[in-house]
Amino acid sequence: MTILKSLMLAAVAATPIVAATAVPATAQIAGVAVADPEAAIQNSNAWKTAITQIQTTHKAALDQAQARTTAVQNELRPLVQQLQTASQQPNANQQQLQTQAAAIQAKEQAAQAEIARLTQPAQLARAYAFEQINRQVSPAVNAVITARKLQLLMRPEALLYANQATDVTALITTELNRLVPSVTTTPPAGWQPNQQQQGAAPAAAAPAAPAPTGR
């Protein structure tokens, strides 16, 4: 799984505020809350349903990608270990080590290209589903801000401490469920993800082959 990048909330303050000390829930400032928009999307009914559909539709290709990943890992692991061992020998032949490392890297890159080709349709479908839901994040956030009479909404990572009662992520998810109950997982011909959203959608690509080490 790819590490997820946090999305920007339109209502989030540009300058993060860090609490110097933890304060009890009874002392929380009224009108201040935290929210994780990415988690709100992932917990939405539309996203969960879309992921299930994508995994079913693209199962053959995803299974093939996983099998290829496992195979290349098994193929490269002993080669990397051999390279590491050889590099630790006295008077190791540096030219030979570089040749071996280059061969391992070439195998790895070829495998990664093949895996990317296999998973690309599923990744594109995920990005399309994500973008449809993401369009409704701002309206969902605004609805929660209005309902809770919030004056300041921040991301969890902007705080050193936040009482659980101040987290309104679940409320944003509820609004998303209302605003976008479902999405389609078949992108139009020629569709490409919004560049601002590239890398934001959670990915389901097979794990990458181990990078060669010990050069």
C-alpha atoms as a PDB file:
ATOM      1  CA  MET A   1       0.000   0.000   0.000  1.00  0.00           C
ATOM      2  CA  THR A   2       1.180   3.458  -0.756  1.00  0.00           C
ATOM      3  CA  ILE A   3       1.550   5.945   2.101  1.00  0.00           C
ATOM      4  CA  LEU A   4      -1.340   8.277   1.807  1.00  0.00           C
ATOM      5  CA  LYS A   5      -0.835  12.039   1.375  1.00  0.00           C
ATOM      6  CA  SER A   6      -3.224  14.205   3.338  1.00  0.00           C
ATOM      7  CA  LEU A   7      -5.773  16.276   1.422  1.00  0.00           C
ATOM      8  CA  MET A   8      -6.149  19.995   1.880  1.00  0.00           C
ATOM      9  CA  LEU A   9      -9.362  21.125   3.549  1.00  0.00           C
ATOM     10  CA  ALA A  10     -10.694  24.383   2.175  1.00  0.00           C
ATOM     11  CA  ALA A  11     -11.712  25.411   5.671  1.00  0.00           C
ATOM     12  CA  VAL A  12      -8.443  24.481   7.357  1.00  0.00           C
ATOM     13  CA  ALA A  13      -6.349  27.396   8.545  1.00  0.00           C
ATOM     14  CA  ALA A  14      -3.176  27.861   6.535  1.00  0.00           C
ATOM     15  CA  THR A  15      -0.997  28.208   9.624  1.00  0.00           C
ATOM     16  CA  PRO A  16      -0.991  25.125  11.879  1.00  0.00           C
ATOM     17  CA  ILE A  17      -1.564  25.740  15.571  1.00  0.00           C
ATOM     18  CA  VAL A  18       0.297  23.562  18.061  1.00  0.00           C
ATOM     19  CA  ALA A  19      -0.966  23.361  21.619  1.00  0.00           C
ATOM     20  CA  ALA A  20       1.826  23.825  24.131  1.00  0.00           C
ATOM     21  CA  THR A  21       0.094  21.705  26.755  1.00  0.00           C
ATOM     22  CA  ALA A  22      -2.785  19.281  26.773  1.00  0.00           C
ATOM     23  CA  VAL A  23      -6.032  20.686  28.084  1.00  0.00           C
ATOM     24  CA  PRO A  24      -8.999  18.754  29.482  1.00  0.00           C
ATOM     25  CA  ALA A  25     -12.117  18.323  27.378  1.00  0.00           C
ATOM     26  CA  THR A  26     -14.058  20.700  29.613  1.00  0.00           C
ATOM     27  CA  ALA A  27     -11.583  23.441  28.775  1.00  0.00           C
ATOM     28  CA  GLN A  28     -11.711  23.019  25.008  1.00  0.00           C
ATOM     29  CA  ILE A  29     -12.276  26.263  23.155  1.00  0.00           C
ATOM     30  CA  ALA A  30     -15.778  26.399  21.734  1.00  0.00           C
ATOM     31  CA  GLY A  31     -15.941  26.391  17.958  1.00  0.00           C
ATOM     32  CA  VAL A  32     -12.634  24.586  17.410  1.00  0.00           C
ATOM     33  CA  ALA A  33     -12.419  21.088  15.928  1.00  0.00           C
ATOM     34  CA  VAL A  34     -10.157  18.782  13.956  1.00  0.00           C
ATOM     35  CA  ALA A  35     -10.912  16.617  10.924  1.00  0.00           C
ATOM     36  CA  ASP A  36      -9.106  14.252   8.592  1.00  0.00           C
ATOM     37  CA  PRO A  37     -10.694  14.684   5.133  1.00  0.00           C
ATOM     38  CA  GLU A  38      -8.843  11.703   3.684  1.00  0.00           C
ATOM     39  CA  ALA A  39     -10.201   9.432   6.412  1.00  0.00           C
ATOM     40  CA  ALA A  40     -13.655  10.883   5.824  1.00  0.00           C
ATOM     41  CA  ILE A  41     -13.440   9.836   2.174  1.00  0.00           C
ATOM     42  CA  GLN A  42     -12.100   6.376   2.972  1.00  0.00           C
ATOM     43  CA  ASN A  43     -14.911   5.777   5.464  1.00  0.00           C
ATOM     44  CA  SER A  44     -17.637   6.911   3.090  1.00  0.00           C
ATOM     45  CA  ASN A  45     -20.088   4.403   1.681  1.00  0.00           C
ATOM     46  CA  ALA A  46     -19.323   5.472  -1.879  1.00  0.00           C
ATOM     47  CA  TRP A  47     -15.594   4.790  -1.465  1.00  0.00           C
ATOM     48  CA  LYS A  48     -16.059   1.418   0.232  1.00  0.00           C
ATOM     49  CA  THR A  49     -18.475   0.282  -2.461  1.00  0.00           C
ATOM     50  CA  ALA A  50     -16.197   1.561  -5.225  1.00  0.00           C
ATOM     51  CA  ILE A  51     -13.193  -0.326  -3.835  1.00  0.00           C
ATOM     52  CA  THR A  52     -15.171  -3.557  -3.687  1.00  0.00           C
ATOM     53  CA  GLN A  53     -16.317  -3.088  -7.288  1.00  0.00           C
ATOM     54  CA  ILE A  54     -12.789  -2.297  -8.488  1.00  0.00           C
ATOM     55  CA  GLN A  55     -11.279  -5.294  -6.733  1.00  0.00           C
ATOM     56  CA  THR A  56     -13.903  -7.511  -8.328  1.00  0.00           C
ATOM     57  CA  THR A  57     -13.684  -6.010 -11.818  1.00  0.00           C
ATOM     58  CA  HIS A  58      -9.881  -6.022 -11.942  1.00  0.00           C
ATOM     59  CA  LYS A  59      -9.275  -9.132  -9.848  1.00  0.00           C
ATOM     60  CA  ALA A  60      -7.471 -11.081 -12.567  1.00  0.00           C
ATOM     61  CA  ALA A  61      -4.977  -8.305 -13.292  1.00  0.00           C
ATOM     62  CA  LEU A  62      -4.428  -7.520  -9.601  1.00  0.00           C
ATOM     63  CA  ASP A  63      -3.857 -11.187  -8.799  1.00  0.00           C
ATOM     64  CA  GLN A  64      -1.407 -11.414 -11.682  1.00  0.00           C
ATOM     65  CA  ALA A  65       0.421  -8.327 -10.425  1.00  0.00           C
ATOM     66  CA  GLN A  66       0.665  -9.779  -6.930  1.00  0.00           C
ATOM     67  CA  ALA A  67       1.990 -13.059  -8.283  1.00  0.00           C
ATOM     68  CA  ARG A  68       4.553 -11.211 -10.395  1.00  0.00           C
ATOM     69  CA  THR A  69       5.610  -9.173  -7.375  1.00  0.00           C
ATOM     70  CA  THR A  70       6.150 -12.286  -5.293  1.00  0.00           C
ATOM     71  CA  ALA A  71       8.073 -13.956  -8.104  1.00  0.00           C
ATOM     72  CA  VAL A  72      10.429 -11.034  -8.674  1.00  0.00           C
ATOM     73  CA  GLN A  73      11.023 -10.660  -4.938  1.00  0.00           C
ATOM     74  CA  ASN A  74      12.009 -14.309  -4.756  1.00  0.00           C
ATOM     75  CA  GLU A  75      14.214 -13.881  -7.815  1.00  0.00           C
ATOM     76  CA  LEU A  76      15.994 -10.738  -6.646  1.00  0.00           C
ATOM     77  CA  ARG A  77      16.453 -11.572  -2.977  1.00  0.00           C
ATOM     78  CA  PRO A  78      19.294 -14.097  -3.448  1.00  0.00           C
ATOM     79  CA  LEU A  79      20.923 -11.877  -6.068  1.00  0.00           C
ATOM     80  CA  VAL A  80      20.929  -8.944  -3.666  1.00  0.00           C
ATOM     81  CA  GLN A  81      22.298 -11.119  -0.888  1.00  0.00           C
ATOM     82  CA  GLN A  82      25.061 -12.368  -3.171  1.00  0.00           C
ATOM     83  CA  LEU A  83      25.921  -8.803  -4.117  1.00  0.00           C
ATOM     84  CA  GLN A  84      26.048  -7.744  -0.483  1.00  0.00           C
ATOM     85  CA  THR A  85      28.301 -10.658   0.406  1.00  0.00           C
ATOM     86  CA  ALA A  86      30.619  -9.999  -2.524  1.00  0.00           C
ATOM     87  CA  SER A  87      30.882  -6.304  -1.686  1.00  0.00           C
ATOM     88  CA  GLN A  88      32.101  -7.147   1.816  1.00  0.00           C
ATOM     89  CA  GLN A  89      34.992  -9.245   0.598  1.00  0.00           C
ATOM     90  CA  PRO A  90      38.535  -7.807   0.759  1.00  0.00           C
ATOM     91  CA  ASN A  91      39.713  -6.448  -2.566  1.00  0.00           C
ATOM     92  CA  ALA A  92      36.253  -6.858  -4.081  1.00  0.00           C
ATOM     93  CA  ASN A  93      36.146  -6.243  -7.814  1.00  0.00           C
ATOM     94  CA  GLN A  94      34.261  -2.951  -7.988  1.00  0.00           C
ATOM     95  CA  GLN A  95      33.619  -3.164 -11.712  1.00  0.00           C
ATOM     96  CA  GLN A  96      32.092  -6.599 -11.328  1.00  0.00           C
ATOM     97  CA  LEU A  97      29.977  -5.398  -8.405  1.00  0.00           C
ATOM     98  CA  GLN A  98      28.692  -2.490 -10.464  1.00  0.00           C
ATOM     99  CA  THR A  99      27.812  -4.842 -13.308  1.00  0.00           C
ATOM    100  CA  GLN A 100      25.910  -7.132 -10.941  1.00  0.00           C
ATOM    101  CA  ALA A 101      24.110  -4.200  -9.340  1.00  0.00           C
ATOM    102  CA  ALA A 102      23.117  -2.837 -12.747  1.00  0.00           C
ATOM    103  CA  ALA A 103      21.732  -6.235 -13.753  1.00  0.00           C
ATOM    104  CA  ILE A 104      19.653  -6.427 -10.572  1.00  0.00           C
ATOM    105  CA  GLN A 105      18.368  -2.912 -11.089  1.00  0.00           C
ATOM    106  CA  ALA A 106      17.406  -3.684 -14.686  1.00  0.00           C
ATOM    107  CA  LYS A 107      15.416  -6.741 -13.549  1.00  0.00           C
ATOM    108  CA  GLU A 108      13.724  -4.700 -10.849  1.00  0.00           C
ATOM    109  CA  GLN A 109      12.780  -1.860 -13.189  1.00  0.00           C
ATOM    110  CA  ALA A 110      11.416  -4.254 -15.794  1.00  0.00           C
ATOM    111  CA  ALA A 111       9.293  -5.978 -13.160  1.00  0.00           C
ATOM    112  CA  GLN A 112       8.023  -2.674 -11.792  1.00  0.00           C
ATOM    113  CA  ALA A 113       7.034  -1.552 -15.283  1.00  0.00           C
ATOM    114  CA  GLU A 114       5.134  -4.795 -15.826  1.00  0.00           C
ATOM    115  CA  ILE A 115       3.395  -4.521 -12.456  1.00  0.00           C
ATOM    116  CA  ALA A 116       2.467  -0.895 -13.143  1.00  0.00           C
ATOM    117  CA  ARG A 117       0.970  -1.918 -16.482  1.00  0.00           C
ATOM    118  CA  LEU A 118      -1.106  -4.624 -14.808  1.00  0.00           C
ATOM    119  CA  THR A 119      -2.398  -2.398 -12.014  1.00  0.00           C
ATOM    120  CA  GLN A 120      -2.875   0.767 -14.072  1.00  0.00           C
ATOM    121  CA  PRO A 121      -6.568   0.167 -14.956  1.00  0.00           C
ATOM    122  CA  ALA A 122      -7.439  -0.461 -11.304  1.00  0.00           C
ATOM    123  CA  GLN A 123      -5.439   2.550 -10.165  1.00  0.00           C
ATOM    124  CA  LEU A 124      -7.165   4.739 -12.735  1.00  0.00           C
ATOM    125  CA  ALA A 125     -10.567   3.490 -11.560  1.00  0.00           C
ATOM    126  CA  ARG A 126      -9.646   4.243  -7.956  1.00  0.00           C
ATOM    127  CA  ALA A 127      -8.478   7.741  -8.857  1.00  0.00           C
ATOM    128  CA  TYR A 128     -11.719   8.372 -10.757  1.00  0.00           C
ATOM    129  CA  ALA A 129     -13.846   7.223  -7.818  1.00  0.00           C
ATOM    130  CA  PHE A 130     -11.741   9.264  -5.418  1.00  0.00           C
ATOM    131  CA  GLU A 131     -12.020  12.424  -7.492  1.00  0.00           C
ATOM    132  CA  GLN A 132     -15.816  12.172  -7.624  1.00  0.00           C
ATOM    133  CA  ILE A 133     -16.023  11.958  -3.831  1.00  0.00           C
ATOM    134  CA  ASN A 134     -13.334  14.559  -3.284  1.00  0.00           C
ATOM    135  CA  ARG A 135     -15.378  17.144  -5.178  1.00  0.00           C
ATOM    136  CA  GLN A 136     -17.911  16.982  -2.351  1.00  0.00           C
ATOM    137  CA  VAL A 137     -15.432  17.334   0.518  1.00  0.00           C
ATOM    138  CA  SER A 138     -15.660  21.124   0.615  1.00  0.00           C
ATOM    139  CA  PRO A 139     -19.499  21.177   0.703  1.00  0.00           C
ATOM    140  CA  ALA A 140     -19.441  18.450   3.363  1.00  0.00           C
ATOM    141  CA  VAL A 141     -16.944  20.397   5.463  1.00  0.00           C
ATOM    142  CA  ASN A 142     -18.950  23.599   5.117  1.00  0.00           C
ATOM    143  CA  ALA A 143     -22.107  21.793   6.230  1.00  0.00           C
ATOM    144  CA  VAL A 144     -20.366  20.504   9.354  1.00  0.00           C
ATOM    145  CA  ILE A 145     -18.859  23.916  10.080  1.00  0.00           C
ATOM    146  CA  THR A 146     -22.298  25.500   9.884  1.00  0.00           C
ATOM    147  CA  ALA A 147     -24.047  22.806  11.920  1.00  0.00           C
ATOM    148  CA  ARG A 148     -21.422  22.824  14.677  1.00  0.00           C
ATOM    149  CA  LYS A 149     -20.872  26.591  14.543  1.00  0.00           C
ATOM    150  CA  LEU A 150     -17.154  26.074  14.140  1.00  0.00           C
ATOM    151  CA  GLN A 151     -14.759  28.990  14.015  1.00  0.00           C
ATOM    152  CA  LEU A 152     -11.603  26.983  13.367  1.00  0.00           C
ATOM    153  CA  LEU A 153     -11.107  23.567  11.759  1.00  0.00           C
ATOM    154  CA  MET A 154      -7.672  21.984  11.651  1.00  0.00           C
ATOM    155  CA  ARG A 155      -6.091  18.711  10.651  1.00  0.00           C
ATOM    156  CA  PRO A 156      -5.109  16.328  13.478  1.00  0.00           C
ATOM    157  CA  GLU A 157      -1.413  16.530  12.610  1.00  0.00           C
ATOM    158  CA  ALA A 158      -1.496  20.289  13.204  1.00  0.00           C
ATOM    159  CA  LEU A 159      -2.091  19.707  16.905  1.00  0.00           C
ATOM    160  CA  LEU A 160       0.012  18.250  19.662  1.00  0.00           C
ATOM    161  CA  TYR A 161      -3.159  17.253  21.489  1.00  0.00           C
ATOM    162  CA  ALA A 162      -6.831  17.071  20.583  1.00  0.00           C
ATOM    163  CA  ASN A 163      -9.595  15.527  22.636  1.00  0.00           C
ATOM    164  CA  GLN A 164     -11.537  12.868  20.722  1.00  0.00           C
ATOM    165  CA  ALA A 165     -14.721  14.851  21.234  1.00  0.00           C
ATOM    166  CA  THR A 166     -13.324  17.608  19.003  1.00  0.00           C
ATOM    167  CA  ASP A 167     -12.877  15.316  15.966  1.00  0.00           C
ATOM    168  CA  VAL A 168     -15.613  15.884  13.383  1.00  0.00           C
ATOM    169  CA  THR A 169     -14.261  13.511  10.725  1.00  0.00           C
ATOM    170  CA  ALA A 170     -17.213  11.145  11.179  1.00  0.00           C
ATOM    171  CA  LEU A 171     -19.628  14.030  10.665  1.00  0.00           C
ATOM    172  CA  ILE A 172     -17.917  14.877   7.379  1.00  0.00           C
ATOM    173  CA  THR A 173     -18.252  11.238   6.337  1.00  0.00           C
ATOM    174  CA  THR A 174     -21.972  11.398   7.121  1.00  0.00           C
ATOM    175  CA  GLU A 175     -22.292  14.468   4.913  1.00  0.00           C
ATOM    176  CA  LEU A 176     -20.358  12.740   2.127  1.00  0.00           C
ATOM    177  CA  ASN A 177     -22.739   9.791   2.339  1.00  0.00           C
ATOM    178  CA  ARG A 178     -25.597  12.232   1.825  1.00  0.00           C
ATOM    179  CA  LEU A 179     -23.975  14.298  -0.926  1.00  0.00           C
ATOM    180  CA  VAL A 180     -22.414  11.461  -2.921  1.00  0.00           C
ATOM    181  CA  PRO A 181     -24.073   8.131  -2.046  1.00  0.00           C
ATOM    182  CA  SER A 182     -22.390   6.337  -4.928  1.00  0.00           C
ATOM    183  CA  VAL A 183     -19.863   6.842  -7.720  1.00  0.00           C
ATOM    184  CA  THR A 184     -18.986   5.156 -10.974  1.00  0.00           C
ATOM    185  CA  THR A 185     -15.708   3.279 -11.266  1.00  0.00           C
ATOM    186  CA  THR A 186     -15.411   3.352 -15.048  1.00  0.00           C
ATOM    187  CA  PRO A 187     -13.527   6.457 -16.194  1.00  0.00           C
ATOM    188  CA  PRO A 188     -14.506   8.021 -19.530  1.00  0.00           C
ATOM    189  CA  ALA A 189     -12.216   7.269 -22.443  1.00  0.00           C
ATOM    190  CA  GLY A 190      -9.043   9.299 -22.183  1.00  0.00           C
ATOM    191  CA  TRP A 191      -9.765  10.468 -18.631  1.00  0.00           C
ATOM    192  CA  GLN A 192      -6.746  11.300 -16.488  1.00  0.00           C
ATOM    193  CA  PRO A 193      -6.661  12.234 -12.793  1.00  0.00           C
ATOM    194  CA  ASN A 194      -6.653  15.878 -11.834  1.00  0.00           C
ATOM    195  CA  GLN A 195      -2.978  16.755 -11.393  1.00  0.00           C
ATOM    196  CA  GLN A 196      -3.710  18.312  -8.006  1.00  0.00           C
ATOM    197  CA  GLN A 197      -5.146  14.998  -6.858  1.00  0.00           C
ATOM    198  CA  GLN A 198      -2.460  12.729  -8.270  1.00  0.00           C
ATOM    199  CA  GLY A 199      -0.846  10.788  -5.469  1.00  0.00           C
ATOM    200  CA  ALA A 200      -3.680  11.628  -3.062  1.00  0.00           C
ATOM    201  CA  ALA A 201      -5.947   8.690  -3.798  1.00  0.00           C
ATOM    202  CA  PRO A 202      -5.112   5.586  -1.780  1.00  0.00           C
ATOM    203  CA  ALA A 203      -3.407   3.073  -4.035  1.00  0.00           C
ATOM    204  CA  ALA A 204      -3.727  -0.691  -4.259  1.00  0.00           C
ATOM    205  CA  ALA A 205      -0.693  -1.512  -6.336  1.00  0.00           C
ATOM    206  CA  ALA A 206       1.203  -4.671  -5.527  1.00  0.00           C
ATOM    207  CA  PRO A 207       4.242  -4.071  -3.330  1.00  0.00           C
ATOM    208  CA  ALA A 208       7.313  -2.990  -5.224  1.00  0.00           C
ATOM    209  CA  ALA A 209      10.156  -5.379  -5.805  1.00  0.00           C
ATOM    210  CA  PRO A 210      13.010  -5.057  -3.306  1.00  0.00           C
ATOM    211  CA  ALA A 211      15.504  -2.404  -4.267  1.00  0.00           C
ATOM    212  CA  PRO A 212      19.018  -3.706  -4.863  1.00  0.00           C
ATOM    213  CA  THR A 213      21.439  -2.835  -2.108  1.00  0.00           C
ATOM    214  CA  GLY A 214      25.057  -3.348  -1.298  1.00  0.00           C
ATOM    215  CA  ARG A 215      26.425  -1.671  -4.396  1.00  0.00           C
END
